[in-house]
Amino acid sequence: MKLFIIGNGFDIAHQLETSYINFRDYLIEEEWEFLDRFEEMYGCHLDMDRRLAERYLWKDFENNLSSFDGDSIVDSATSMELGLDGGDFYIEDTLDSYWESIYKYINKLEDYLKFWIKSIDINCCIRTDLICKNNDDLFLSFNYTLLLEEIYEIQEEQILHIHGSVSETYDDLIIGHGNSDIINNYREQARSASNQFDEKKSSICNALAAYCESILKEVKSNIFFNSGFFQRLNEVNQVLVIGHSIGNVDLPYFKEIRERTNENTIWKIYFYDDSEESTLKDKIVSIGVRPEKITMLHTAEFFNLEQQQS
């Protein structure tokens, strides 16, 4: 039995416009007010050159969600003149409500992500014969699209969309960073400020903690929630990773797979750029896979069929 681990590079190789910079393009057309407020948080703006916006924010989008300039935000918030007769005392509740209203836009991120994914045309001409519908292979997909189901006709029970999909089977899409330390840091700053009766700093630090918490990817709890799928991996003798960067946020999923599979399981890692090869292999070695069990292959060897679009 094979396990296919599918990342966004898989969809992109099928010529789908599923890069996060494509999400930005969608937001410019459909939800520019949201995008304006969102990018301002990260030092970007609507008129910024597309390539610059991709470099500074959208290329590594999920990791960058916790990478705003928090120090500048805190400094600006604590120096803000409120013009209250009583001074800066007994104002924390008012400030909490204010910051909640400022940052509540982030709660719409998942909705707009789902609208965008649903708008993507998944008809494609690039195919692979390594994925067949008439076997018992399993698929762990990190993608939100239904490419496996609709183009390759893989049965739903063989697929786990670990971060959700646009299928009605899944309630939510999971998107976020993995930096829980930054949340703890802001909470600690808030507690310290509160002890010093600095209500401005306490309020903004709690607001930033709440912002980061709302877009935190809870990987460990997600593994537990989907434990039924991972328990099925004991018969897997070959793992194929295609289109996945194996970033640190998602590394616990790979560790879980390694623990659930036999130590003699073969791992085939497909890379797009030669510069990625050694990094990807090192990541797989770091989770306990023996180097001799790893084969590195170029993506071109995976996508070996072409179909003309009708």
Protein backbone atom coordinates (compact mmCIF):
# COMPACT_ATOMS: atom_id res chain seq x y z
CA MET A 1 0.00 0.00 0.00
CA LYS A 2 1.20 3.49 -0.86
CA LEU A 3 0.63 6.72 1.00
CA PHE A 4 0.69 9.87 -1.12
CA ILE A 5 1.41 13.09 0.77
CA ILE A 6 0.11 15.88 -1.41
CA GLY A 7 1.16 19.53 -1.07
CA ASN A 8 0.22 22.66 -2.98
CA GLY A 9 2.97 22.04 -5.53
CA PHE A 10 0.84 19.11 -6.72
CA ASP A 11 -2.03 21.44 -7.65
CA ILE A 12 0.34 24.01 -9.15
CA ALA A 13 1.96 21.30 -11.30
CA HIS A 14 -1.53 20.59 -12.62
CA GLN A 15 -1.55 24.23 -13.76
CA LEU A 16 -4.01 25.32 -11.09
CA GLU A 17 -3.64 28.88 -9.82
CA THR A 18 -3.45 27.93 -6.14
CA SER A 19 -0.41 29.88 -4.97
CA TYR A 20 -1.13 32.31 -2.15
CA ILE A 21 -0.20 35.18 -4.46
CA ASN A 22 -3.18 34.03 -6.55
CA PHE A 23 -5.27 34.39 -3.40
CA ARG A 24 -4.07 37.99 -3.19
CA ASP A 25 -5.12 38.51 -6.83
CA TYR A 26 -8.57 37.22 -5.95
CA LEU A 27 -8.84 39.51 -2.93
CA ILE A 28 -7.85 42.55 -4.98
CA GLU A 29 -10.80 41.88 -7.28
CA GLU A 30 -13.36 40.66 -4.76
CA GLU A 31 -12.48 41.84 -1.23
CA TRP A 32 -10.03 44.71 -1.56
CA GLU A 33 -11.11 46.40 1.69
CA PHE A 34 -10.22 43.27 3.65
CA LEU A 35 -6.92 42.96 1.78
CA ASP A 36 -6.08 46.60 2.48
CA ARG A 37 -6.48 46.16 6.24
CA PHE A 38 -4.81 42.77 6.23
CA GLU A 39 -1.69 43.81 4.30
CA GLU A 40 -1.31 46.97 6.36
CA MET A 41 -0.73 44.71 9.37
CA TYR A 42 2.32 43.27 7.61
CA GLY A 43 3.79 46.42 6.11
CA CYS A 44 2.36 45.84 2.63
CA HIS A 45 -0.24 47.78 0.67
CA LEU A 46 -2.54 47.37 -2.33
CA ASP A 47 -0.36 49.42 -4.68
CA MET A 48 2.78 47.43 -3.89
CA ASP A 49 4.41 45.63 -6.80
CA ARG A 50 3.02 42.10 -6.99
CA ARG A 51 6.48 40.52 -6.86
CA LEU A 52 7.43 42.52 -3.77
CA ALA A 53 4.18 41.61 -2.02
CA GLU A 54 4.86 37.95 -2.79
CA ARG A 55 8.40 38.17 -1.46
CA TYR A 56 7.53 39.95 1.78
CA LEU A 57 4.28 38.22 2.69
CA TRP A 58 2.57 35.82 0.31
CA LYS A 59 5.35 33.40 -0.72
CA ASP A 60 5.60 31.94 2.78
CA PHE A 61 2.13 33.08 3.74
CA GLU A 62 1.23 30.87 6.69
CA ASN A 63 4.55 31.26 8.49
CA ASN A 64 4.41 35.02 7.90
CA LEU A 65 1.02 35.34 9.58
CA SER A 66 2.79 35.79 12.92
CA SER A 67 5.60 37.98 11.51
CA PHE A 68 4.13 41.47 11.77
CA ASP A 69 6.08 44.27 13.50
CA GLY A 70 4.54 43.85 16.94
CA ASP A 71 6.98 46.21 18.66
CA SER A 72 5.95 49.11 16.42
CA ILE A 73 2.27 48.33 16.96
CA VAL A 74 2.72 48.27 20.73
CA ASP A 75 4.74 51.51 20.70
CA SER A 76 2.12 53.26 18.60
CA ALA A 77 -0.73 51.99 20.78
CA THR A 78 0.90 53.01 24.06
CA SER A 79 1.69 56.53 22.79
CA MET A 80 -1.85 57.08 21.51
CA GLU A 81 -3.53 60.11 23.05
CA LEU A 82 -7.05 59.25 24.17
CA GLY A 83 -8.07 62.74 25.34
CA LEU A 84 -9.94 61.42 28.39
CA ASP A 85 -10.59 63.68 31.37
CA GLY A 86 -9.63 60.97 33.83
CA GLY A 87 -6.31 60.22 32.13
CA ASP A 88 -5.15 56.72 31.20
CA PHE A 89 -6.84 54.95 34.11
CA TYR A 90 -9.79 52.51 34.15
CA ILE A 91 -9.76 52.42 30.35
CA GLU A 92 -8.81 48.81 29.66
CA ASP A 93 -12.34 47.59 28.91
CA THR A 94 -12.82 50.45 26.46
CA LEU A 95 -9.50 49.72 24.79
CA ASP A 96 -10.22 45.99 24.64
CA SER A 97 -13.42 46.72 22.70
CA TYR A 98 -11.58 49.13 20.45
CA TRP A 99 -8.81 46.68 19.53
CA GLU A 100 -11.33 43.90 19.02
CA SER A 101 -13.10 46.06 16.46
CA ILE A 102 -9.79 46.90 14.75
CA TYR A 103 -8.62 43.31 14.35
CA LYS A 104 -11.90 41.49 13.84
CA TYR A 105 -11.34 41.48 10.06
CA ILE A 106 -9.03 38.49 10.47
CA ASN A 107 -12.05 36.33 11.31
CA LYS A 108 -13.07 36.58 7.64
CA LEU A 109 -9.81 35.07 6.33
CA GLU A 110 -11.13 31.51 6.28
CA ASP A 111 -14.36 32.53 4.52
CA TYR A 112 -12.52 34.38 1.76
CA LEU A 113 -10.08 31.49 1.40
CA LYS A 114 -12.99 29.11 0.83
CA PHE A 115 -14.65 31.47 -1.68
CA TRP A 116 -11.36 31.68 -3.60
CA ILE A 117 -10.77 27.92 -3.68
CA LYS A 118 -14.31 27.33 -4.93
CA SER A 119 -13.68 29.78 -7.78
CA ILE A 120 -10.64 27.87 -9.11
CA ASP A 121 -11.10 25.89 -12.31
CA ILE A 122 -9.56 22.47 -11.65
CA ASN A 123 -9.74 21.20 -15.22
CA CYS A 124 -6.16 20.42 -16.19
CA CYS A 125 -4.08 18.66 -18.80
CA ILE A 126 -1.08 17.49 -16.76
CA ARG A 127 -1.58 14.04 -15.26
CA THR A 128 0.31 11.14 -13.71
CA ASP A 129 -0.30 7.41 -14.01
CA LEU A 130 1.25 6.86 -10.58
CA ILE A 131 -2.15 7.68 -9.07
CA CYS A 132 -4.75 5.06 -9.92
CA LYS A 133 -8.34 4.90 -8.77
CA ASN A 134 -8.55 1.10 -8.68
CA ASN A 135 -6.34 0.33 -5.69
CA ASP A 136 -6.27 0.83 -1.93
CA ASP A 137 -3.66 3.60 -1.73
CA LEU A 138 -4.16 6.36 0.83
CA PHE A 139 -3.80 10.10 0.34
CA LEU A 140 -2.92 12.74 2.91
CA SER A 141 -3.68 16.01 1.17
CA PHE A 142 -2.69 19.42 2.48
CA ASN A 143 -4.73 21.03 -0.31
CA TYR A 144 -8.24 22.41 -0.20
CA THR A 145 -9.17 21.53 -3.79
CA LEU A 146 -10.93 18.36 -4.93
CA LEU A 147 -8.42 17.49 -7.63
CA LEU A 148 -7.95 13.93 -6.38
CA GLU A 149 -11.68 13.29 -6.19
CA GLU A 150 -12.81 14.94 -9.41
CA ILE A 151 -9.87 14.43 -11.80
CA TYR A 152 -8.38 11.16 -10.53
CA GLU A 153 -11.69 9.78 -9.20
CA ILE A 154 -10.19 8.69 -5.89
CA GLN A 155 -12.81 7.68 -3.32
CA GLU A 156 -13.34 10.06 -0.40
CA GLU A 157 -12.64 7.35 2.18
CA GLN A 158 -9.09 7.02 0.81
CA ILE A 159 -8.32 10.73 1.29
CA LEU A 160 -7.77 12.89 4.33
CA HIS A 161 -7.71 16.61 3.64
CA ILE A 162 -5.81 17.34 6.82
CA HIS A 163 -6.60 21.07 6.68
CA GLY A 164 -10.09 20.69 5.27
CA SER A 165 -11.43 21.12 1.75
CA VAL A 166 -14.29 22.74 -0.13
CA SER A 167 -16.18 19.45 0.05
CA GLU A 168 -19.27 19.47 2.24
CA THR A 169 -17.64 16.65 4.20
CA TYR A 170 -15.41 19.23 5.89
CA ASP A 171 -16.81 22.04 8.00
CA ASP A 172 -13.81 24.36 8.18
CA LEU A 173 -10.58 25.16 6.41
CA ILE A 174 -7.49 25.24 8.59
CA ILE A 175 -4.97 27.95 7.85
CA GLY A 176 -2.39 29.47 10.14
CA HIS A 177 1.09 29.76 11.58
CA GLY A 178 2.69 27.46 14.14
CA ASN A 179 4.28 30.05 16.39
CA SER A 180 2.61 29.49 19.76
CA ASP A 181 5.58 31.17 21.47
CA ILE A 182 4.56 34.58 20.16
CA ILE A 183 1.12 34.19 21.77
CA ASN A 184 2.68 33.33 25.11
CA ASN A 185 5.05 36.27 24.75
CA TYR A 186 2.23 38.77 24.22
CA ARG A 187 0.21 37.28 27.07
CA GLU A 188 3.21 37.62 29.37
CA GLN A 189 3.78 41.22 28.26
CA ALA A 190 0.11 41.93 28.98
CA ARG A 191 0.33 40.44 32.47
CA SER A 192 3.49 42.40 33.25
CA ALA A 193 1.95 45.63 31.98
CA SER A 194 -1.21 45.02 33.98
CA ASN A 195 0.87 44.55 37.14
CA GLN A 196 2.40 47.95 36.44
CA PHE A 197 -1.05 49.50 35.81
CA ASP A 198 -0.13 50.16 32.16
CA GLU A 199 -3.59 49.57 30.73
CA LYS A 200 -2.68 50.70 27.21
CA LYS A 201 0.11 48.16 26.84
CA SER A 202 -1.83 45.42 28.57
CA SER A 203 -4.77 45.89 26.21
CA ILE A 204 -2.81 45.98 22.94
CA CYS A 205 -0.67 42.99 23.94
CA ASN A 206 -3.76 40.95 24.75
CA ALA A 207 -5.25 42.04 21.41
CA LEU A 208 -2.16 40.90 19.49
CA ALA A 209 -2.15 37.60 21.37
CA ALA A 210 -5.80 37.08 20.43
CA TYR A 211 -5.03 37.96 16.79
CA CYS A 212 -2.22 35.40 16.62
CA GLU A 213 -4.30 32.81 18.47
CA SER A 214 -7.14 33.11 15.97
CA ILE A 215 -4.82 32.07 13.14
CA LEU A 216 -2.76 29.45 14.98
CA LYS A 217 -2.58 26.02 13.36
CA GLU A 218 -3.13 23.45 16.12
CA VAL A 219 -1.23 20.55 14.55
CA LYS A 220 -1.14 18.19 17.56
CA SER A 221 -4.87 18.44 18.21
CA ASN A 222 -5.53 17.98 14.49
CA ILE A 223 -3.51 14.78 14.47
CA PHE A 224 -5.51 13.52 17.45
CA PHE A 225 -8.82 14.47 15.80
CA ASN A 226 -7.84 12.50 12.67
CA SER A 227 -6.22 9.60 14.53
CA GLY A 228 -8.43 7.10 12.69
CA PHE A 229 -6.68 7.87 9.41
CA PHE A 230 -3.18 7.66 10.89
CA GLN A 231 -4.01 4.29 12.44
CA ARG A 232 -4.52 2.93 8.93
CA LEU A 233 -0.89 3.55 7.96
CA ASN A 234 0.57 0.37 9.48
CA GLU A 235 0.29 -1.45 6.13
CA VAL A 236 1.96 1.31 4.10
CA ASN A 237 5.21 0.16 2.51
CA GLN A 238 5.88 3.22 0.37
CA VAL A 239 5.41 6.93 1.06
CA LEU A 240 5.45 9.40 -1.83
CA VAL A 241 5.75 13.12 -1.03
CA ILE A 242 4.83 15.39 -3.93
CA GLY A 243 4.56 19.17 -3.99
CA HIS A 244 5.18 19.66 -0.28
CA SER A 245 7.89 21.89 1.20
CA ILE A 246 7.88 19.96 4.52
CA GLY A 247 7.87 23.18 6.50
CA ASN A 248 8.36 23.23 10.25
CA VAL A 249 4.67 23.93 10.91
CA ASP A 250 3.66 20.67 9.21
CA LEU A 251 6.63 18.56 10.34
CA PRO A 252 4.67 16.93 13.23
CA TYR A 253 2.39 15.30 10.63
CA PHE A 254 5.43 13.70 9.01
CA LYS A 255 6.71 12.54 12.40
CA GLU A 256 3.35 10.90 13.07
CA ILE A 257 3.51 9.12 9.71
CA ARG A 258 7.01 7.88 10.42
CA GLU A 259 5.90 6.50 13.79
CA ARG A 260 2.87 4.79 12.24
CA THR A 261 4.76 3.13 9.36
CA ASN A 262 7.35 0.37 9.30
CA GLU A 263 11.00 1.40 9.58
CA ASN A 264 11.63 -0.36 6.25
CA THR A 265 9.06 1.76 4.44
CA ILE A 266 10.46 3.41 1.31
CA TRP A 267 10.14 7.20 1.09
CA LYS A 268 10.13 8.84 -2.34
CA ILE A 269 10.49 12.62 -2.15
CA TYR A 270 9.77 14.63 -5.29
CA PHE A 271 11.40 18.04 -5.62
CA TYR A 272 10.77 20.82 -8.14
CA ASP A 273 13.99 22.82 -7.85
CA ASP A 274 17.46 21.30 -7.46
CA SER A 275 18.14 23.69 -4.58
CA GLU A 276 15.37 21.99 -2.57
CA GLU A 277 16.73 18.46 -2.80
CA SER A 278 19.14 18.38 0.14
CA THR A 279 16.83 20.41 2.40
CA LEU A 280 13.87 18.11 1.81
CA LYS A 281 15.99 15.01 2.39
CA ASP A 282 17.39 16.46 5.63
CA LYS A 283 13.84 17.12 6.86
CA ILE A 284 12.85 13.50 6.28
CA VAL A 285 16.02 12.24 7.97
CA SER A 286 15.25 14.49 10.96
CA ILE A 287 12.00 12.61 11.66
CA GLY A 288 13.81 9.27 11.89
CA VAL A 289 13.78 7.88 8.35
CA ARG A 290 17.06 6.16 7.49
CA PRO A 291 18.87 7.82 4.54
CA GLU A 292 19.07 4.55 2.60
CA LYS A 293 15.24 4.37 2.64
CA ILE A 294 14.93 7.76 0.91
CA THR A 295 14.86 8.28 -2.84
CA MET A 296 14.96 11.81 -4.22
CA LEU A 297 13.24 12.34 -7.56
CA HIS A 298 12.49 15.33 -9.75
CA THR A 299 8.85 16.35 -10.06
CA ALA A 300 9.03 15.78 -13.82
CA GLU A 301 9.28 12.05 -13.12
CA PHE A 302 5.95 12.13 -11.30
CA PHE A 303 3.87 13.96 -13.88
CA ASN A 304 4.39 11.63 -16.81
CA LEU A 305 1.13 11.97 -18.73
CA GLU A 306 -0.53 14.76 -20.64
CA GLN A 307 -4.14 14.96 -21.72
CA GLN A 308 -5.47 17.46 -24.17
CA GLN A 309 -8.27 19.59 -22.75
CA SER A 310 -11.51 19.17 -24.58
